[in-house]
Amino acid sequence: MLRYPVEKVSCVGCGYCCIRNTCAFGAALHPHDEDKICPELAWIGIRYVCNLMGTHPLAAFYRQELQSGGGCRSFNNPWRHDVRLRTDAEARTIVSGTPWPTPDADYRRCL
């Protein structure tokens, strides 16, 4: 499968990626919360942040392993332009396995 380079953009803290798929570290630390939003994901009034990457003793390790700062990988993230605290219903829709958004028409023309 050929992959075309996709320009990565800075994370805006919308929470989409973390709410959709809890990382392996969050899942290991909170095994009883598998059907909930990861308890390490916190809304700080303007964006979501991961507590594991902040003051946790292994924060540097988590940042490296989760490629923090590497840029947004959700090329067509529907929450990216609407950063806000999400309702439980919105989060459940994403957590329940709603597929990633399909590429827009401009992206398909590149293929």
PDB file of N, CA and C in Angstrom:
ATOM      1  N   MET A   1       0.844  -1.174   0.000  1.00  0.00           N
ATOM      2  CA  MET A   1       0.000   0.000   0.000  1.00  0.00           C
ATOM      3  C   MET A   1       0.884   1.230   0.000  1.00  0.00           C
ATOM      4  N   LEU A   2       0.632   2.114  -0.898  1.00  0.00           N
ATOM      5  CA  LEU A   2       1.378   3.369  -0.947  1.00  0.00           C
ATOM      6  C   LEU A   2       0.747   4.377  -0.014  1.00  0.00           C
ATOM      7  N   ARG A   3       1.577   5.067   0.692  1.00  0.00           N
ATOM      8  CA  ARG A   3       1.086   6.130   1.571  1.00  0.00           C
ATOM      9  C   ARG A   3       1.671   7.445   1.095  1.00  0.00           C
ATOM     10  N   TYR A   4       0.816   8.382   0.900  1.00  0.00           N
ATOM     11  CA  TYR A   4       1.266   9.697   0.481  1.00  0.00           C
ATOM     12  C   TYR A   4       1.581  10.523   1.709  1.00  0.00           C
ATOM     13  N   PRO A   5       2.602  11.352   1.640  1.00  0.00           N
ATOM     14  CA  PRO A   5       2.925  12.177   2.806  1.00  0.00           C
ATOM     15  C   PRO A   5       1.764  13.113   3.124  1.00  0.00           C
ATOM     16  N   VAL A   6       1.428  13.149   4.386  1.00  0.00           N
ATOM     17  CA  VAL A   6       0.367  14.035   4.848  1.00  0.00           C
ATOM     18  C   VAL A   6       1.006  15.049   5.775  1.00  0.00           C
ATOM     19  N   GLU A   7       0.741  16.308   5.516  1.00  0.00           N
ATOM     20  CA  GLU A   7       1.304  17.352   6.366  1.00  0.00           C
ATOM     21  C   GLU A   7       0.705  17.229   7.759  1.00  0.00           C
ATOM     22  N   LYS A   8       1.562  17.130   8.749  1.00  0.00           N
ATOM     23  CA  LYS A   8       1.087  17.069  10.128  1.00  0.00           C
ATOM     24  C   LYS A   8       0.974  18.483  10.660  1.00  0.00           C
ATOM     25  N   VAL A   9       0.004  18.689  11.486  1.00  0.00           N
ATOM     26  CA  VAL A   9      -0.214  19.992  12.089  1.00  0.00           C
ATOM     27  C   VAL A   9      -0.175  19.832  13.596  1.00  0.00           C
ATOM     28  N   SER A  10       0.119  20.887  14.292  1.00  0.00           N
ATOM     29  CA  SER A  10       0.227  20.837  15.747  1.00  0.00           C
ATOM     30  C   SER A  10      -1.076  20.383  16.387  1.00  0.00           C
ATOM     31  N   CYS A  11      -0.936  19.658  17.489  1.00  0.00           N
ATOM     32  CA  CYS A  11      -2.092  19.218  18.263  1.00  0.00           C
ATOM     33  C   CYS A  11      -2.784  20.459  18.846  1.00  0.00           C
ATOM     34  N   VAL A  12      -4.101  20.491  18.738  1.00  0.00           N
ATOM     35  CA  VAL A  12      -4.854  21.606  19.306  1.00  0.00           C
ATOM     36  C   VAL A  12      -5.532  21.219  20.619  1.00  0.00           C
ATOM     37  N   GLY A  13      -5.389  19.956  21.032  1.00  0.00           N
ATOM     38  CA  GLY A  13      -5.969  19.517  22.298  1.00  0.00           C
ATOM     39  C   GLY A  13      -7.458  19.287  22.237  1.00  0.00           C
ATOM     40  N   CYS A  14      -7.963  18.837  21.093  1.00  0.00           N
ATOM     41  CA  CYS A  14      -9.408  18.621  20.965  1.00  0.00           C
ATOM     42  C   CYS A  14      -9.864  17.326  21.636  1.00  0.00           C
ATOM     43  N   GLY A  15      -8.943  16.411  21.917  1.00  0.00           N
ATOM     44  CA  GLY A  15      -9.269  15.175  22.613  1.00  0.00           C
ATOM     45  C   GLY A  15      -9.717  14.028  21.728  1.00  0.00           C
ATOM     46  N   TYR A  16      -9.892  14.272  20.450  1.00  0.00           N
ATOM     47  CA  TYR A  16     -10.448  13.265  19.538  1.00  0.00           C
ATOM     48  C   TYR A  16      -9.659  11.957  19.554  1.00  0.00           C
ATOM     49  N   CYS A  17      -8.372  12.040  19.364  1.00  0.00           N
ATOM     50  CA  CYS A  17      -7.551  10.823  19.277  1.00  0.00           C
ATOM     51  C   CYS A  17      -7.586  10.035  20.582  1.00  0.00           C
ATOM     52  N   CYS A  18      -7.417  10.727  21.693  1.00  0.00           N
ATOM     53  CA  CYS A  18      -7.363  10.048  22.990  1.00  0.00           C
ATOM     54  C   CYS A  18      -8.724   9.501  23.404  1.00  0.00           C
ATOM     55  N   ILE A  19      -9.785  10.194  23.064  1.00  0.00           N
ATOM     56  CA  ILE A  19     -11.116   9.701  23.409  1.00  0.00           C
ATOM     57  C   ILE A  19     -11.465   8.509  22.527  1.00  0.00           C
ATOM     58  N   ARG A  20     -11.092   8.567  21.272  1.00  0.00           N
ATOM     59  CA  ARG A  20     -11.406   7.471  20.356  1.00  0.00           C
ATOM     60  C   ARG A  20     -10.634   6.207  20.706  1.00  0.00           C
ATOM     61  N   ASN A  21      -9.352   6.341  20.999  1.00  0.00           N
ATOM     62  CA  ASN A  21      -8.502   5.183  21.293  1.00  0.00           C
ATOM     63  C   ASN A  21      -7.608   5.488  22.484  1.00  0.00           C
ATOM     64  N   THR A  22      -7.936   4.932  23.623  1.00  0.00           N
ATOM     65  CA  THR A  22      -7.069   5.099  24.787  1.00  0.00           C
ATOM     66  C   THR A  22      -5.728   4.437  24.488  1.00  0.00           C
ATOM     67  N   CYS A  23      -4.641   5.121  24.810  1.00  0.00           N
ATOM     68  CA  CYS A  23      -3.311   4.562  24.550  1.00  0.00           C
ATOM     69  C   CYS A  23      -3.067   3.343  25.437  1.00  0.00           C
ATOM     70  N   ALA A  24      -2.052   2.567  25.102  1.00  0.00           N
ATOM     71  CA  ALA A  24      -1.733   1.355  25.855  1.00  0.00           C
ATOM     72  C   ALA A  24      -1.408   1.661  27.314  1.00  0.00           C
ATOM     73  N   PHE A  25      -0.791   2.803  27.566  1.00  0.00           N
ATOM     74  CA  PHE A  25      -0.426   3.152  28.939  1.00  0.00           C
ATOM     75  C   PHE A  25      -1.667   3.482  29.758  1.00  0.00           C
ATOM     76  N   GLY A  26      -2.574   4.252  29.183  1.00  0.00           N
ATOM     77  CA  GLY A  26      -3.818   4.564  29.878  1.00  0.00           C
ATOM     78  C   GLY A  26      -4.647   3.325  30.139  1.00  0.00           C
ATOM     79  N   ALA A  27      -4.677   2.432  29.155  1.00  0.00           N
ATOM     80  CA  ALA A  27      -5.429   1.183  29.312  1.00  0.00           C
ATOM     81  C   ALA A  27      -4.809   0.297  30.393  1.00  0.00           C
ATOM     82  N   ALA A  28      -3.485   0.250  30.454  1.00  0.00           N
ATOM     83  CA  ALA A  28      -2.808  -0.576  31.464  1.00  0.00           C
ATOM     84  C   ALA A  28      -2.980  -0.005  32.867  1.00  0.00           C
ATOM     85  N   LEU A  29      -2.955   1.311  32.981  1.00  0.00           N
ATOM     86  CA  LEU A  29      -3.092   1.940  34.292  1.00  0.00           C
ATOM     87  C   LEU A  29      -4.529   1.949  34.796  1.00  0.00           C
ATOM     88  N   HIS A  30      -5.481   1.862  33.884  1.00  0.00           N
ATOM     89  CA  HIS A  30      -6.905   1.928  34.248  1.00  0.00           C
ATOM     90  C   HIS A  30      -7.679   0.792  33.574  1.00  0.00           C
ATOM     91  N   PRO A  31      -7.372  -0.453  33.904  1.00  0.00           N
ATOM     92  CA  PRO A  31      -8.008  -1.587  33.216  1.00  0.00           C
ATOM     93  C   PRO A  31      -9.519  -1.684  33.433  1.00  0.00           C
ATOM     94  N   HIS A  32     -10.016  -1.105  34.496  1.00  0.00           N
ATOM     95  CA  HIS A  32     -11.452  -1.194  34.778  1.00  0.00           C
ATOM     96  C   HIS A  32     -12.242  -0.074  34.105  1.00  0.00           C
ATOM     97  N   ASP A  33     -11.548   0.798  33.390  1.00  0.00           N
ATOM     98  CA  ASP A  33     -12.202   1.915  32.710  1.00  0.00           C
ATOM     99  C   ASP A  33     -12.176   1.747  31.199  1.00  0.00           C
ATOM    100  N   GLU A  34     -12.149   0.492  30.726  1.00  0.00           N
ATOM    101  CA  GLU A  34     -11.982   0.252  29.295  1.00  0.00           C
ATOM    102  C   GLU A  34     -13.127   0.788  28.447  1.00  0.00           C
ATOM    103  N   ASP A  35     -14.323   0.944  29.012  1.00  0.00           N
ATOM    104  CA  ASP A  35     -15.442   1.460  28.238  1.00  0.00           C
ATOM    105  C   ASP A  35     -15.720   2.931  28.546  1.00  0.00           C
ATOM    106  N   LYS A  36     -14.756   3.602  29.148  1.00  0.00           N
ATOM    107  CA  LYS A  36     -14.901   5.016  29.503  1.00  0.00           C
ATOM    108  C   LYS A  36     -13.757   5.822  28.907  1.00  0.00           C
ATOM    109  N   ILE A  37     -13.887   7.131  28.963  1.00  0.00           N
ATOM    110  CA  ILE A  37     -12.791   7.999  28.557  1.00  0.00           C
ATOM    111  C   ILE A  37     -11.661   7.810  29.558  1.00  0.00           C
ATOM    112  N   CYS A  38     -10.444   7.751  29.073  1.00  0.00           N
ATOM    113  CA  CYS A  38      -9.284   7.555  29.938  1.00  0.00           C
ATOM    114  C   CYS A  38      -9.266   8.606  31.054  1.00  0.00           C
ATOM    115  N   PRO A  39      -9.143   8.179  32.305  1.00  0.00           N
ATOM    116  CA  PRO A  39      -9.091   9.126  33.420  1.00  0.00           C
ATOM    117  C   PRO A  39      -7.887  10.069  33.355  1.00  0.00           C
ATOM    118  N   GLU A  40      -6.876   9.732  32.569  1.00  0.00           N
ATOM    119  CA  GLU A  40      -5.696  10.593  32.448  1.00  0.00           C
ATOM    120  C   GLU A  40      -5.938  11.782  31.514  1.00  0.00           C
ATOM    121  N   LEU A  41      -7.008  11.750  30.725  1.00  0.00           N
ATOM    122  CA  LEU A  41      -7.332  12.851  29.824  1.00  0.00           C
ATOM    123  C   LEU A  41      -8.144  13.882  30.597  1.00  0.00           C
ATOM    124  N   ALA A  42      -7.647  15.099  30.640  1.00  0.00           N
ATOM    125  CA  ALA A  42      -8.294  16.139  31.450  1.00  0.00           C
ATOM    126  C   ALA A  42      -8.587  17.383  30.619  1.00  0.00           C
ATOM    127  N   TRP A  43      -9.747  17.971  30.839  1.00  0.00           N
ATOM    128  CA  TRP A  43     -10.122  19.247  30.219  1.00  0.00           C
ATOM    129  C   TRP A  43      -9.619  20.352  31.142  1.00  0.00           C
ATOM    130  N   ILE A  44      -8.843  21.297  30.614  1.00  0.00           N
ATOM    131  CA  ILE A  44      -8.280  22.362  31.455  1.00  0.00           C
ATOM    132  C   ILE A  44      -8.875  23.731  31.129  1.00  0.00           C
ATOM    133  N   GLY A  45     -10.065  23.734  30.576  1.00  0.00           N
ATOM    134  CA  GLY A  45     -10.750  24.990  30.304  1.00  0.00           C
ATOM    135  C   GLY A  45     -10.607  25.488  28.883  1.00  0.00           C
ATOM    136  N   ILE A  46      -9.520  25.140  28.214  1.00  0.00           N
ATOM    137  CA  ILE A  46      -9.323  25.576  26.819  1.00  0.00           C
ATOM    138  C   ILE A  46      -8.944  24.421  25.898  1.00  0.00           C
ATOM    139  N   ARG A  47      -8.535  23.295  26.470  1.00  0.00           N
ATOM    140  CA  ARG A  47      -8.111  22.138  25.676  1.00  0.00           C
ATOM    141  C   ARG A  47      -7.986  20.917  26.577  1.00  0.00           C
ATOM    142  N   TYR A  48      -7.866  19.763  25.939  1.00  0.00           N
ATOM    143  CA  TYR A  48      -7.600  18.534  26.670  1.00  0.00           C
ATOM    144  C   TYR A  48      -6.089  18.351  26.796  1.00  0.00           C
ATOM    145  N   VAL A  49      -5.664  17.787  27.919  1.00  0.00           N
ATOM    146  CA  VAL A  49      -4.263  17.425  28.129  1.00  0.00           C
ATOM    147  C   VAL A  49      -4.220  16.024  28.737  1.00  0.00           C
ATOM    148  N   CYS A  50      -3.102  15.355  28.519  1.00  0.00           N
ATOM    149  CA  CYS A  50      -2.898  14.027  29.100  1.00  0.00           C
ATOM    150  C   CYS A  50      -2.055  14.182  30.355  1.00  0.00           C
ATOM    151  N   ASN A  51      -2.598  13.753  31.476  1.00  0.00           N
ATOM    152  CA  ASN A  51      -1.863  13.856  32.734  1.00  0.00           C
ATOM    153  C   ASN A  51      -0.605  12.998  32.749  1.00  0.00           C
ATOM    154  N   LEU A  52      -0.579  11.946  31.959  1.00  0.00           N
ATOM    155  CA  LEU A  52       0.605  11.095  31.908  1.00  0.00           C
ATOM    156  C   LEU A  52       1.809  11.846  31.341  1.00  0.00           C
ATOM    157  N   MET A  53       1.555  12.818  30.500  1.00  0.00           N
ATOM    158  CA  MET A  53       2.647  13.548  29.853  1.00  0.00           C
ATOM    159  C   MET A  53       3.031  14.813  30.604  1.00  0.00           C
ATOM    160  N   GLY A  54       2.364  15.074  31.695  1.00  0.00           N
ATOM    161  CA  GLY A  54       2.643  16.290  32.446  1.00  0.00           C
ATOM    162  C   GLY A  54       3.529  16.077  33.648  1.00  0.00           C
ATOM    163  N   THR A  55       2.936  15.779  34.785  1.00  0.00           N
ATOM    164  CA  THR A  55       3.688  15.684  36.035  1.00  0.00           C
ATOM    165  C   THR A  55       3.959  14.248  36.481  1.00  0.00           C
ATOM    166  N   HIS A  56       3.519  13.285  35.714  1.00  0.00           N
ATOM    167  CA  HIS A  56       3.738  11.882  36.066  1.00  0.00           C
ATOM    168  C   HIS A  56       5.242  11.604  36.123  1.00  0.00           C
ATOM    169  N   PRO A  57       5.701  10.755  37.056  1.00  0.00           N
ATOM    170  CA  PRO A  57       7.143  10.446  37.153  1.00  0.00           C
ATOM    171  C   PRO A  57       7.749   9.902  35.848  1.00  0.00           C
ATOM    172  N   LEU A  58       6.939   9.240  35.037  1.00  0.00           N
ATOM    173  CA  LEU A  58       7.430   8.701  33.765  1.00  0.00           C
ATOM    174  C   LEU A  58       7.011   9.561  32.564  1.00  0.00           C
ATOM    175  N   ALA A  59       6.734  10.831  32.804  1.00  0.00           N
ATOM    176  CA  ALA A  59       6.217  11.715  31.757  1.00  0.00           C
ATOM    177  C   ALA A  59       7.113  11.758  30.518  1.00  0.00           C
ATOM    178  N   ALA A  60       8.422  11.866  30.699  1.00  0.00           N
ATOM    179  CA  ALA A  60       9.330  11.940  29.544  1.00  0.00           C
ATOM    180  C   ALA A  60       9.243  10.652  28.716  1.00  0.00           C
ATOM    181  N   PHE A  61       9.168   9.514  29.383  1.00  0.00           N
ATOM    182  CA  PHE A  61       9.034   8.234  28.690  1.00  0.00           C
ATOM    183  C   PHE A  61       7.724   8.184  27.904  1.00  0.00           C
ATOM    184  N   TYR A  62       6.605   8.568  28.550  1.00  0.00           N
ATOM    185  CA  TYR A  62       5.304   8.553  27.877  1.00  0.00           C
ATOM    186  C   TYR A  62       5.306   9.490  26.675  1.00  0.00           C
ATOM    187  N   ARG A  63       5.864  10.687  26.834  1.00  0.00           N
ATOM    188  CA  ARG A  63       5.911  11.640  25.711  1.00  0.00           C
ATOM    189  C   ARG A  63       6.677  11.045  24.535  1.00  0.00           C
ATOM    190  N   GLN A  64       7.792  10.379  24.823  1.00  0.00           N
ATOM    191  CA  GLN A  64       8.595   9.787  23.754  1.00  0.00           C
ATOM    192  C   GLN A  64       7.841   8.637  23.074  1.00  0.00           C
ATOM    193  N   GLU A  65       7.309   7.739  23.871  1.00  0.00           N
ATOM    194  CA  GLU A  65       6.640   6.564  23.319  1.00  0.00           C
ATOM    195  C   GLU A  65       5.357   6.903  22.562  1.00  0.00           C
ATOM    196  N   LEU A  66       4.657   7.934  23.007  1.00  0.00           N
ATOM    197  CA  LEU A  66       3.409   8.328  22.341  1.00  0.00           C
ATOM    198  C   LEU A  66       3.643   9.396  21.272  1.00  0.00           C
ATOM    199  N   GLN A  67       4.899   9.713  21.037  1.00  0.00           N
ATOM    200  CA  GLN A  67       5.305  10.676  20.004  1.00  0.00           C
ATOM    201  C   GLN A  67       4.622  12.036  20.188  1.00  0.00           C
ATOM    202  N   SER A  68       4.574  12.460  21.417  1.00  0.00           N
ATOM    203  CA  SER A  68       3.999  13.763  21.727  1.00  0.00           C
ATOM    204  C   SER A  68       4.774  14.851  20.990  1.00  0.00           C
ATOM    205  N   GLY A  69       4.061  15.768  20.409  1.00  0.00           N
ATOM    206  CA  GLY A  69       4.695  16.851  19.664  1.00  0.00           C
ATOM    207  C   GLY A  69       4.948  16.512  18.211  1.00  0.00           C
ATOM    208  N   GLY A  70       4.612  15.276  17.812  1.00  0.00           N
ATOM    209  CA  GLY A  70       4.830  14.847  16.436  1.00  0.00           C
ATOM    210  C   GLY A  70       3.795  15.364  15.461  1.00  0.00           C
ATOM    211  N   GLY A  71       2.747  15.951  15.961  1.00  0.00           N
ATOM    212  CA  GLY A  71       1.718  16.517  15.086  1.00  0.00           C
ATOM    213  C   GLY A  71       0.476  15.639  15.014  1.00  0.00           C
ATOM    214  N   CYS A  72      -0.607  16.256  14.647  1.00  0.00           N
ATOM    215  CA  CYS A  72      -1.901  15.584  14.540  1.00  0.00           C
ATOM    216  C   CYS A  72      -1.870  14.597  13.380  1.00  0.00           C
ATOM    217  N   ARG A  73      -2.330  13.388  13.640  1.00  0.00           N
ATOM    218  CA  ARG A  73      -2.359  12.359  12.604  1.00  0.00           C
ATOM    219  C   ARG A  73      -3.764  12.156  12.049  1.00  0.00           C
ATOM    220  N   SER A  74      -4.721  12.853  12.574  1.00  0.00           N
ATOM    221  CA  SER A  74      -6.100  12.728  12.095  1.00  0.00           C
ATOM    222  C   SER A  74      -6.321  13.765  11.011  1.00  0.00           C
ATOM    223  N   PHE A  75      -6.043  13.369   9.777  1.00  0.00           N
ATOM    224  CA  PHE A  75      -6.058  14.332   8.679  1.00  0.00           C
ATOM    225  C   PHE A  75      -7.415  14.970   8.457  1.00  0.00           C
ATOM    226  N   ASN A  76      -8.465  14.337   8.888  1.00  0.00           N
ATOM    227  CA  ASN A  76      -9.803  14.888   8.675  1.00  0.00           C
ATOM    228  C   ASN A  76     -10.599  14.842   9.975  1.00  0.00           C
ATOM    229  N   ASN A  77      -9.973  15.221  11.056  1.00  0.00           N
ATOM    230  CA  ASN A  77     -10.555  15.181  12.389  1.00  0.00           C
ATOM    231  C   ASN A  77     -11.716  16.172  12.487  1.00  0.00           C
ATOM    232  N   PRO A  78     -12.929  15.696  12.774  1.00  0.00           N
ATOM    233  CA  PRO A  78     -14.084  16.602  12.828  1.00  0.00           C
ATOM    234  C   PRO A  78     -14.100  17.511  14.053  1.00  0.00           C
ATOM    235  N   TRP A  79     -13.300  17.220  15.081  1.00  0.00           N
ATOM    236  CA  TRP A  79     -13.296  18.042  16.294  1.00  0.00           C
ATOM    237  C   TRP A  79     -12.214  19.108  16.262  1.00  0.00           C
ATOM    238  N   ARG A  80     -11.282  18.996  15.351  1.00  0.00           N
ATOM    239  CA  ARG A  80     -10.099  19.859  15.331  1.00  0.00           C
ATOM    240  C   ARG A  80     -10.428  21.352  15.309  1.00  0.00           C
ATOM    241  N   HIS A  81     -11.475  21.726  14.608  1.00  0.00           N
ATOM    242  CA  HIS A  81     -11.826  23.143  14.490  1.00  0.00           C
ATOM    243  C   HIS A  81     -12.904  23.559  15.488  1.00  0.00           C
ATOM    244  N   ASP A  82     -13.194  22.679  16.434  1.00  0.00           N
ATOM    245  CA  ASP A  82     -14.213  22.961  17.449  1.00  0.00           C
ATOM    246  C   ASP A  82     -13.743  22.390  18.787  1.00  0.00           C
ATOM    247  N   VAL A  83     -12.676  22.966  19.330  1.00  0.00           N
ATOM    248  CA  VAL A  83     -12.085  22.468  20.577  1.00  0.00           C
ATOM    249  C   VAL A  83     -12.946  22.928  21.738  1.00  0.00           C
ATOM    250  N   ARG A  84     -13.531  21.959  22.443  1.00  0.00           N
ATOM    251  CA  ARG A  84     -14.392  22.258  23.585  1.00  0.00           C
ATOM    252  C   ARG A  84     -14.568  20.997  24.401  1.00  0.00           C
ATOM    253  N   LEU A  85     -15.083  21.152  25.592  1.00  0.00           N
ATOM    254  CA  LEU A  85     -15.392  20.001  26.432  1.00  0.00           C
ATOM    255  C   LEU A  85     -16.507  19.209  25.755  1.00  0.00           C
ATOM    256  N   ARG A  86     -16.291  17.933  25.567  1.00  0.00           N
ATOM    257  CA  ARG A  86     -17.265  17.089  24.872  1.00  0.00           C
ATOM    258  C   ARG A  86     -18.251  16.457  25.848  1.00  0.00           C
ATOM    259  N   THR A  87     -19.461  16.278  25.368  1.00  0.00           N
ATOM    260  CA  THR A  87     -20.476  15.618  26.184  1.00  0.00           C
ATOM    261  C   THR A  87     -20.199  14.122  26.217  1.00  0.00           C
ATOM    262  N   ASP A  88     -20.791  13.440  27.182  1.00  0.00           N
ATOM    263  CA  ASP A  88     -20.639  11.987  27.255  1.00  0.00           C
ATOM    264  C   ASP A  88     -21.179  11.318  25.999  1.00  0.00           C
ATOM    265  N   ALA A  89     -22.276  11.853  25.459  1.00  0.00           N
ATOM    266  CA  ALA A  89     -22.864  11.269  24.245  1.00  0.00           C
ATOM    267  C   ALA A  89     -21.902  11.391  23.063  1.00  0.00           C
ATOM    268  N   GLU A  90     -21.248  12.540  22.907  1.00  0.00           N
ATOM    269  CA  GLU A  90     -20.274  12.702  21.827  1.00  0.00           C
ATOM    270  C   GLU A  90     -19.110  11.735  22.002  1.00  0.00           C
ATOM    271  N   ALA A  91     -18.638  11.613  23.214  1.00  0.00           N
ATOM    272  CA  ALA A  91     -17.512  10.729  23.485  1.00  0.00           C
ATOM    273  C   ALA A  91     -17.896   9.273  23.244  1.00  0.00           C
ATOM    274  N   ARG A  92     -19.087   8.870  23.673  1.00  0.00           N
ATOM    275  CA  ARG A  92     -19.527   7.486  23.475  1.00  0.00           C
ATOM    276  C   ARG A  92     -19.603   7.141  21.992  1.00  0.00           C
ATOM    277  N   THR A  93     -20.026   8.077  21.175  1.00  0.00           N
ATOM    278  CA  THR A  93     -20.106   7.836  19.736  1.00  0.00           C
ATOM    279  C   THR A  93     -18.738   7.513  19.173  1.00  0.00           C
ATOM    280  N   ILE A  94     -17.734   8.242  19.603  1.00  0.00           N
ATOM    281  CA  ILE A  94     -16.371   8.024  19.118  1.00  0.00           C
ATOM    282  C   ILE A  94     -15.794   6.740  19.719  1.00  0.00           C
ATOM    283  N   VAL A  95     -15.958   6.542  21.017  1.00  0.00           N
ATOM    284  CA  VAL A  95     -15.401   5.373  21.700  1.00  0.00           C
ATOM    285  C   VAL A  95     -16.019   4.089  21.171  1.00  0.00           C
ATOM    286  N   SER A  96     -17.276   4.144  20.786  1.00  0.00           N
ATOM    287  CA  SER A  96     -17.969   2.927  20.372  1.00  0.00           C
ATOM    288  C   SER A  96     -17.504   2.393  19.022  1.00  0.00           C
ATOM    289  N   GLY A  97     -16.534   3.029  18.418  1.00  0.00           N
ATOM    290  CA  GLY A  97     -15.987   2.482  17.186  1.00  0.00           C
ATOM    291  C   GLY A  97     -16.439   3.172  15.925  1.00  0.00           C
ATOM    292  N   THR A  98     -16.992   4.353  16.034  1.00  0.00           N
ATOM    293  CA  THR A  98     -17.339   5.096  14.836  1.00  0.00           C
ATOM    294  C   THR A  98     -16.092   5.213  13.985  1.00  0.00           C
ATOM    295  N   PRO A  99     -16.154   4.860  12.726  1.00  0.00           N
ATOM    296  CA  PRO A  99     -14.945   4.900  11.893  1.00  0.00           C
ATOM    297  C   PRO A  99     -14.374   6.303  11.789  1.00  0.00           C
ATOM    298  N   TRP A 100     -13.070   6.347  11.520  1.00  0.00           N
ATOM    299  CA  TRP A 100     -12.439   7.647  11.280  1.00  0.00           C
ATOM    300  C   TRP A 100     -13.184   8.319  10.151  1.00  0.00           C
ATOM    301  N   PRO A 101     -13.241   9.629  10.142  1.00  0.00           N
ATOM    302  CA  PRO A 101     -13.913  10.328   9.041  1.00  0.00           C
ATOM    303  C   PRO A 101     -13.259   9.961   7.714  1.00  0.00           C
ATOM    304  N   THR A 102     -14.060   9.889   6.693  1.00  0.00           N
ATOM    305  CA  THR A 102     -13.510   9.584   5.380  1.00  0.00           C
ATOM    306  C   THR A 102     -12.815  10.814   4.816  1.00  0.00           C
ATOM    307  N   PRO A 103     -11.860  10.624   3.950  1.00  0.00           N
ATOM    308  CA  PRO A 103     -11.165  11.777   3.365  1.00  0.00           C
ATOM    309  C   PRO A 103     -12.133  12.627   2.556  1.00  0.00           C
ATOM    310  N   ASP A 104     -11.862  13.907   2.513  1.00  0.00           N
ATOM    311  CA  ASP A 104     -12.723  14.776   1.729  1.00  0.00           C
ATOM    312  C   ASP A 104     -12.396  14.613   0.248  1.00  0.00           C
ATOM    313  N   ALA A 105     -13.185  15.222  -0.601  1.00  0.00           N
ATOM    314  CA  ALA A 105     -13.035  15.060  -2.056  1.00  0.00           C
ATOM    315  C   ALA A 105     -11.667  15.494  -2.549  1.00  0.00           C
ATOM    316  N   ASP A 106     -11.104  16.550  -1.969  1.00  0.00           N
ATOM    317  CA  ASP A 106      -9.789  17.023  -2.413  1.00  0.00           C
ATOM    318  C   ASP A 106      -8.716  15.981  -2.139  1.00  0.00           C
ATOM    319  N   TYR A 107      -8.809  15.281  -1.030  1.00  0.00           N
ATOM    320  CA  TYR A 107      -7.822  14.263  -0.690  1.00  0.00           C
ATOM    321  C   TYR A 107      -7.921  13.092  -1.666  1.00  0.00           C
ATOM    322  N   ARG A 108      -9.149  12.684  -1.990  1.00  0.00           N
ATOM    323  CA  ARG A 108      -9.333  11.545  -2.888  1.00  0.00           C
ATOM    324  C   ARG A 108      -8.734  11.821  -4.267  1.00  0.00           C
ATOM    325  N   ARG A 109      -8.772  13.044  -4.707  1.00  0.00           N
ATOM    326  CA  ARG A 109      -8.212  13.379  -6.029  1.00  0.00           C
ATOM    327  C   ARG A 109      -6.715  13.183  -6.065  1.00  0.00           C
ATOM    328  N   CYS A 110      -6.046  13.213  -4.906  1.00  0.00           N
ATOM    329  CA  CYS A 110      -4.590  13.043  -4.845  1.00  0.00           C
ATOM    330  C   CYS A 110      -4.196  11.582  -5.039  1.00  0.00           C
ATOM    331  N   LEU A 111      -5.125  10.681  -4.814  1.00  0.00           N
ATOM    332  CA  LEU A 111      -4.775   9.251  -4.868  1.00  0.00           C
ATOM    333  C   LEU A 111      -4.682   8.741  -6.257  1.00  0.00           C
TER     334      LEU A 111
END
